Amino acid sequence: MGHRTQLSQEDEHLRRAREDLPVAAQLLYAVADLLSDYQPEQPANTTALGMAFTAAGAGVLAKYPRAVQDHALDRALAALPDEANLTAGITGGELALHLRKAAGSLT
């Protein structure tokens, strides 16, 4: 139980630190977390990426006004690696690393 509590505290600290980032960066980090949590070894594809964006968007974007949502989504999508990288067999974990790097560039 102690390990679980420590992990939860670390997750909470990370969540709070990310709240100060631009919304587009928050969204990319959330998508990266989903990809690395659920399919790190599986090849990434546009379907998985779309599902991750939908789930992350529901959690991250929902608390912002529509104009902020639209701007953040445009910035996040513009920072994605091109589709050629997805068809080259990149894994979810590898794509998550690219997304985290792109998120860092948006700050």
C-alpha atoms as a PDB file:
ATOM      1  CA  MET A   1       0.000   0.000   0.000  1.00  0.00           C
ATOM      2  CA  GLY A   2       2.842   2.406   0.790  1.00  0.00           C
ATOM      3  CA  HIS A   3       4.256   2.064  -2.720  1.00  0.00           C
ATOM      4  CA  ARG A   4       0.818   2.786  -4.207  1.00  0.00           C
ATOM      5  CA  THR A   5       0.441   5.908  -2.054  1.00  0.00           C
ATOM      6  CA  GLN A   6       3.886   7.125  -3.142  1.00  0.00           C
ATOM      7  CA  LEU A   7       2.970   6.543  -6.778  1.00  0.00           C
ATOM      8  CA  SER A   8      -0.293   8.440  -6.353  1.00  0.00           C
ATOM      9  CA  GLN A   9       1.560  11.375  -4.797  1.00  0.00           C
ATOM     10  CA  GLU A  10       4.011  11.395  -7.705  1.00  0.00           C
ATOM     11  CA  ASP A  11       1.130  11.277 -10.199  1.00  0.00           C
ATOM     12  CA  GLU A  12      -0.562  14.183  -8.425  1.00  0.00           C
ATOM     13  CA  HIS A  13       2.657  16.226  -8.432  1.00  0.00           C
ATOM     14  CA  LEU A  14       3.083  15.580 -12.174  1.00  0.00           C
ATOM     15  CA  ARG A  15      -0.546  16.511 -12.858  1.00  0.00           C
ATOM     16  CA  ARG A  16      -0.180  19.807 -10.971  1.00  0.00           C
ATOM     17  CA  ALA A  17       3.088  20.645 -12.712  1.00  0.00           C
ATOM     18  CA  ARG A  18       1.463  20.111 -16.095  1.00  0.00           C
ATOM     19  CA  GLU A  19      -1.453  22.421 -15.291  1.00  0.00           C
ATOM     20  CA  ASP A  20       0.900  25.393 -15.698  1.00  0.00           C
ATOM     21  CA  LEU A  21       1.868  24.358 -19.242  1.00  0.00           C
ATOM     22  CA  PRO A  22       0.150  25.600 -22.402  1.00  0.00           C
ATOM     23  CA  VAL A  23      -3.035  23.639 -23.070  1.00  0.00           C
ATOM     24  CA  ALA A  24      -1.588  22.123 -26.270  1.00  0.00           C
ATOM     25  CA  ALA A  25       1.376  20.767 -24.279  1.00  0.00           C
ATOM     26  CA  GLN A  26      -0.975  19.362 -21.627  1.00  0.00           C
ATOM     27  CA  LEU A  27      -2.895  17.577 -24.372  1.00  0.00           C
ATOM     28  CA  LEU A  28       0.232  16.080 -25.962  1.00  0.00           C
ATOM     29  CA  TYR A  29       1.496  14.867 -22.588  1.00  0.00           C
ATOM     30  CA  ALA A  30      -1.877  13.249 -21.886  1.00  0.00           C
ATOM     31  CA  VAL A  31      -1.882  11.512 -25.297  1.00  0.00           C
ATOM     32  CA  ALA A  32       1.699  10.332 -24.708  1.00  0.00           C
ATOM     33  CA  ASP A  33       0.737   8.959 -21.291  1.00  0.00           C
ATOM     34  CA  LEU A  34      -2.133   6.979 -22.797  1.00  0.00           C
ATOM     35  CA  LEU A  35       0.032   5.551 -25.583  1.00  0.00           C
ATOM     36  CA  SER A  36       2.826   4.548 -23.228  1.00  0.00           C
ATOM     37  CA  ASP A  37       0.408   3.118 -20.637  1.00  0.00           C
ATOM     38  CA  TYR A  38      -1.730   1.034 -22.978  1.00  0.00           C
ATOM     39  CA  GLN A  39       0.326  -0.030 -25.986  1.00  0.00           C
ATOM     40  CA  PRO A  40       4.010   0.778 -25.559  1.00  0.00           C
ATOM     41  CA  GLU A  41       5.223  -2.250 -27.530  1.00  0.00           C
ATOM     42  CA  GLN A  42       2.499  -2.283 -30.197  1.00  0.00           C
ATOM     43  CA  PRO A  43       2.913  -0.461 -33.504  1.00  0.00           C
ATOM     44  CA  ALA A  44       1.229   2.933 -33.376  1.00  0.00           C
ATOM     45  CA  ASN A  45      -1.409   3.680 -35.970  1.00  0.00           C
ATOM     46  CA  THR A  46      -3.772   6.528 -36.726  1.00  0.00           C
ATOM     47  CA  THR A  47      -6.682   4.709 -35.048  1.00  0.00           C
ATOM     48  CA  ALA A  48      -4.822   4.319 -31.748  1.00  0.00           C
ATOM     49  CA  LEU A  49      -3.581   7.890 -31.962  1.00  0.00           C
ATOM     50  CA  GLY A  50      -7.103   9.142 -32.651  1.00  0.00           C
ATOM     51  CA  MET A  51      -8.494   7.201 -29.702  1.00  0.00           C
ATOM     52  CA  ALA A  52      -5.761   8.562 -27.439  1.00  0.00           C
ATOM     53  CA  PHE A  53      -6.475  12.123 -28.610  1.00  0.00           C
ATOM     54  CA  THR A  54     -10.199  11.639 -27.982  1.00  0.00           C
ATOM     55  CA  ALA A  55      -9.673  10.294 -24.465  1.00  0.00           C
ATOM     56  CA  ALA A  56      -7.011  12.869 -23.594  1.00  0.00           C
ATOM     57  CA  GLY A  57      -9.090  15.671 -25.070  1.00  0.00           C
ATOM     58  CA  ALA A  58     -12.053  14.714 -22.923  1.00  0.00           C
ATOM     59  CA  GLY A  59      -9.897  14.989 -19.819  1.00  0.00           C
ATOM     60  CA  VAL A  60      -7.738  17.973 -20.692  1.00  0.00           C
ATOM     61  CA  LEU A  61      -9.731  20.189 -23.033  1.00  0.00           C
ATOM     62  CA  ALA A  62     -13.142  19.893 -21.392  1.00  0.00           C
ATOM     63  CA  LYS A  63     -12.298  22.430 -18.687  1.00  0.00           C
ATOM     64  CA  TYR A  64     -11.416  25.192 -21.177  1.00  0.00           C
ATOM     65  CA  PRO A  65     -13.573  27.470 -23.367  1.00  0.00           C
ATOM     66  CA  ARG A  66     -14.162  26.363 -26.964  1.00  0.00           C
ATOM     67  CA  ALA A  67     -11.723  28.913 -28.460  1.00  0.00           C
ATOM     68  CA  VAL A  68      -8.934  27.653 -26.180  1.00  0.00           C
ATOM     69  CA  GLN A  69      -9.802  24.054 -27.054  1.00  0.00           C
ATOM     70  CA  ASP A  70      -9.650  24.733 -30.787  1.00  0.00           C
ATOM     71  CA  HIS A  71      -6.347  26.625 -30.563  1.00  0.00           C
ATOM     72  CA  ALA A  72      -4.766  23.952 -28.360  1.00  0.00           C
ATOM     73  CA  LEU A  73      -5.906  21.149 -30.643  1.00  0.00           C
ATOM     74  CA  ASP A  74      -4.550  22.938 -33.714  1.00  0.00           C
ATOM     75  CA  ARG A  75      -1.167  23.470 -32.014  1.00  0.00           C
ATOM     76  CA  ALA A  76      -1.022  19.881 -30.744  1.00  0.00           C
ATOM     77  CA  LEU A  77      -1.885  18.401 -34.143  1.00  0.00           C
ATOM     78  CA  ALA A  78       0.682  20.620 -35.862  1.00  0.00           C
ATOM     79  CA  ALA A  79       3.358  19.252 -33.512  1.00  0.00           C
ATOM     80  CA  LEU A  80       2.649  15.605 -34.380  1.00  0.00           C
ATOM     81  CA  PRO A  81       5.201  13.617 -36.354  1.00  0.00           C
ATOM     82  CA  ASP A  82       4.148  13.194 -39.972  1.00  0.00           C
ATOM     83  CA  GLU A  83       2.098  10.172 -40.932  1.00  0.00           C
ATOM     84  CA  ALA A  84       5.092   8.499 -42.591  1.00  0.00           C
ATOM     85  CA  ASN A  85       6.515   7.855 -39.118  1.00  0.00           C
ATOM     86  CA  LEU A  86       3.318   6.050 -38.130  1.00  0.00           C
ATOM     87  CA  THR A  87       3.464   3.737 -41.112  1.00  0.00           C
ATOM     88  CA  ALA A  88       7.146   2.956 -40.507  1.00  0.00           C
ATOM     89  CA  GLY A  89       6.309   0.689 -37.559  1.00  0.00           C
ATOM     90  CA  ILE A  90       6.918   3.133 -34.723  1.00  0.00           C
ATOM     91  CA  THR A  91       5.611   1.729 -31.428  1.00  0.00           C
ATOM     92  CA  GLY A  92       3.240   3.479 -29.048  1.00  0.00           C
ATOM     93  CA  GLY A  93       6.103   3.987 -26.605  1.00  0.00           C
ATOM     94  CA  GLU A  94       8.330   5.519 -29.279  1.00  0.00           C
ATOM     95  CA  LEU A  95       5.532   7.784 -30.444  1.00  0.00           C
ATOM     96  CA  ALA A  96       4.929   8.813 -26.822  1.00  0.00           C
ATOM     97  CA  LEU A  97       8.570   9.944 -26.627  1.00  0.00           C
ATOM     98  CA  HIS A  98       8.115  12.049 -29.780  1.00  0.00           C
ATOM     99  CA  LEU A  99       4.927  13.564 -28.360  1.00  0.00           C
ATOM    100  CA  ARG A 100       6.610  14.442 -25.060  1.00  0.00           C
ATOM    101  CA  LYS A 101       9.445  16.131 -26.955  1.00  0.00           C
ATOM    102  CA  ALA A 102       6.915  18.062 -29.054  1.00  0.00           C
ATOM    103  CA  ALA A 103       5.017  19.047 -25.898  1.00  0.00           C
ATOM    104  CA  GLY A 104       8.241  20.345 -24.378  1.00  0.00           C
ATOM    105  CA  SER A 105       8.799  22.528 -27.427  1.00  0.00           C
ATOM    106  CA  LEU A 106       5.398  24.183 -26.928  1.00  0.00           C
ATOM    107  CA  THR A 107       6.208  25.558 -23.488  1.00  0.00           C
END
